[in-house]
């Protein structure tokens, strides 16, 4: 019975690390998609209204920085799960 508990404990630890790695991959893909979508939409709206390009560009940079910050924080959390 104790052997089973030891095997389950080791397997659970390995599954947690695999889950953290998969979570990190999903975070990166989601952030890349979001930033790409922001860029595409910003360029499209700049093409439609060139006079407001400065405002759109600054909003795009702020939005991309917020997404990047949140994704970086989540990747750090996943790395801590893997390493600790």
C-alpha atoms as a PDB file:
ATOM      1  CA  UNK A   1       0.000   0.000   0.000  1.00  0.00           C
ATOM      2  CA  UNK A   2       2.800   2.449   0.799  1.00  0.00           C
ATOM      3  CA  UNK A   3       4.428   1.631  -2.527  1.00  0.00           C
ATOM      4  CA  UNK A   4       1.251   2.750  -4.280  1.00  0.00           C
ATOM      5  CA  UNK A   5       1.261   6.018  -2.351  1.00  0.00           C
ATOM      6  CA  UNK A   6       4.890   6.650  -3.288  1.00  0.00           C
ATOM      7  CA  UNK A   7       4.184   5.973  -6.966  1.00  0.00           C
ATOM      8  CA  UNK A   8       1.119   8.249  -6.908  1.00  0.00           C
ATOM      9  CA  UNK A   9       3.100  11.003  -5.193  1.00  0.00           C
ATOM     10  CA  UNK A  10       5.854  10.863  -7.811  1.00  0.00           C
ATOM     11  CA  UNK A  11       3.348  10.685 -10.682  1.00  0.00           C
ATOM     12  CA  UNK A  12       1.366  13.577  -9.232  1.00  0.00           C
ATOM     13  CA  UNK A  13       4.492  15.703  -9.067  1.00  0.00           C
ATOM     14  CA  UNK A  14       5.359  14.875 -12.676  1.00  0.00           C
ATOM     15  CA  UNK A  15       1.820  15.625 -13.832  1.00  0.00           C
ATOM     16  CA  UNK A  16       1.924  18.987 -12.067  1.00  0.00           C
ATOM     17  CA  UNK A  17       5.104  19.886 -13.943  1.00  0.00           C
ATOM     18  CA  UNK A  18       3.643  18.752 -17.260  1.00  0.00           C
ATOM     19  CA  UNK A  19       0.505  20.778 -16.548  1.00  0.00           C
ATOM     20  CA  UNK A  20       2.573  23.864 -15.746  1.00  0.00           C
ATOM     21  CA  UNK A  21       4.538  23.464 -18.974  1.00  0.00           C
ATOM     22  CA  UNK A  22       1.341  23.103 -21.004  1.00  0.00           C
ATOM     23  CA  UNK A  23      -0.160  26.089 -19.204  1.00  0.00           C
ATOM     24  CA  UNK A  24       2.883  28.152 -20.078  1.00  0.00           C
ATOM     25  CA  UNK A  25       2.578  27.164 -23.741  1.00  0.00           C
ATOM     26  CA  UNK A  26      -1.112  28.096 -23.817  1.00  0.00           C
ATOM     27  CA  UNK A  27      -0.323  31.449 -22.189  1.00  0.00           C
ATOM     28  CA  UNK A  28       2.304  32.259 -24.807  1.00  0.00           C
ATOM     29  CA  UNK A  29       0.000  31.310 -27.676  1.00  0.00           C
ATOM     30  CA  UNK A  30      -2.878  33.331 -26.242  1.00  0.00           C
ATOM     31  CA  UNK A  31      -0.721  36.400 -25.680  1.00  0.00           C
ATOM     32  CA  UNK A  32       0.745  36.185 -29.176  1.00  0.00           C
ATOM     33  CA  UNK A  33      -2.723  35.881 -30.685  1.00  0.00           C
ATOM     34  CA  UNK A  34      -4.030  38.801 -28.623  1.00  0.00           C
ATOM     35  CA  UNK A  35      -1.157  41.129 -29.478  1.00  0.00           C
ATOM     36  CA  UNK A  36      -1.404  40.156 -33.146  1.00  0.00           C
ATOM     37  CA  UNK A  37      -5.126  40.865 -33.135  1.00  0.00           C
ATOM     38  CA  UNK A  38      -4.537  44.253 -31.487  1.00  0.00           C
ATOM     39  CA  UNK A  39      -1.917  45.136 -34.109  1.00  0.00           C
ATOM     40  CA  UNK A  40      -4.094  44.072 -37.017  1.00  0.00           C
ATOM     41  CA  UNK A  41      -7.112  45.978 -35.747  1.00  0.00           C
ATOM     42  CA  UNK A  42      -5.023  49.067 -35.010  1.00  0.00           C
ATOM     43  CA  UNK A  43      -3.535  49.081 -38.498  1.00  0.00           C
ATOM     44  CA  UNK A  44      -6.966  48.643 -40.029  1.00  0.00           C
ATOM     45  CA  UNK A  45      -8.398  51.537 -38.039  1.00  0.00           C
ATOM     46  CA  UNK A  46      -5.372  53.724 -38.878  1.00  0.00           C
ATOM     47  CA  UNK A  47      -5.992  53.021 -42.550  1.00  0.00           C
ATOM     48  CA  UNK A  48      -9.611  54.093 -42.167  1.00  0.00           C
ATOM     49  CA  UNK A  49      -8.870  57.248 -40.147  1.00  0.00           C
ATOM     50  CA  UNK A  50      -5.285  58.417 -40.709  1.00  0.00           C
ATOM     51  CA  UNK A  51      -5.820  61.592 -38.660  1.00  0.00           C
ATOM     52  CA  UNK A  52      -6.248  59.580 -35.456  1.00  0.00           C
ATOM     53  CA  UNK A  53      -3.194  57.368 -36.002  1.00  0.00           C
ATOM     54  CA  UNK A  54      -1.312  58.771 -33.003  1.00  0.00           C
ATOM     55  CA  UNK A  55      -4.099  58.032 -30.542  1.00  0.00           C
ATOM     56  CA  UNK A  56      -4.649  54.558 -31.947  1.00  0.00           C
ATOM     57  CA  UNK A  57      -0.930  53.768 -31.864  1.00  0.00           C
ATOM     58  CA  UNK A  58      -0.572  54.823 -28.234  1.00  0.00           C
ATOM     59  CA  UNK A  59      -3.635  52.804 -27.225  1.00  0.00           C
ATOM     60  CA  UNK A  60      -2.235  49.807 -29.101  1.00  0.00           C
ATOM     61  CA  UNK A  61       1.114  50.027 -27.304  1.00  0.00           C
ATOM     62  CA  UNK A  62      -0.541  50.308 -23.889  1.00  0.00           C
ATOM     63  CA  UNK A  63      -2.833  47.346 -24.586  1.00  0.00           C
ATOM     64  CA  UNK A  64       0.027  45.198 -25.876  1.00  0.00           C
ATOM     65  CA  UNK A  65       2.143  46.086 -22.825  1.00  0.00           C
ATOM     66  CA  UNK A  66      -0.674  45.080 -20.472  1.00  0.00           C
ATOM     67  CA  UNK A  67      -1.158  41.746 -22.237  1.00  0.00           C
ATOM     68  CA  UNK A  68       2.577  41.121 -22.229  1.00  0.00           C
ATOM     69  CA  UNK A  69       2.814  41.939 -18.519  1.00  0.00           C
ATOM     70  CA  UNK A  70       0.019  39.575 -17.566  1.00  0.00           C
ATOM     71  CA  UNK A  71       1.418  36.774 -19.720  1.00  0.00           C
ATOM     72  CA  UNK A  72       4.904  37.284 -18.270  1.00  0.00           C
ATOM     73  CA  UNK A  73       3.485  37.056 -14.748  1.00  0.00           C
ATOM     74  CA  UNK A  74       1.653  33.833 -15.609  1.00  0.00           C
ATOM     75  CA  UNK A  75       4.781  32.316 -17.174  1.00  0.00           C
ATOM     76  CA  UNK A  76       6.749  33.135 -14.016  1.00  0.00           C
ATOM     77  CA  UNK A  77       4.087  31.366 -11.939  1.00  0.00           C
ATOM     78  CA  UNK A  78       4.304  28.307 -14.215  1.00  0.00           C
ATOM     79  CA  UNK A  79       8.105  28.352 -13.974  1.00  0.00           C
ATOM     80  CA  UNK A  80       7.883  28.440 -10.182  1.00  0.00           C
ATOM     81  CA  UNK A  81       5.591  25.402 -10.246  1.00  0.00           C
ATOM     82  CA  UNK A  82       8.074  23.549 -12.435  1.00  0.00           C
ATOM     83  CA  UNK A  83      11.163  24.510 -10.426  1.00  0.00           C
ATOM     84  CA  UNK A  84       9.781  24.240  -6.898  1.00  0.00           C
END
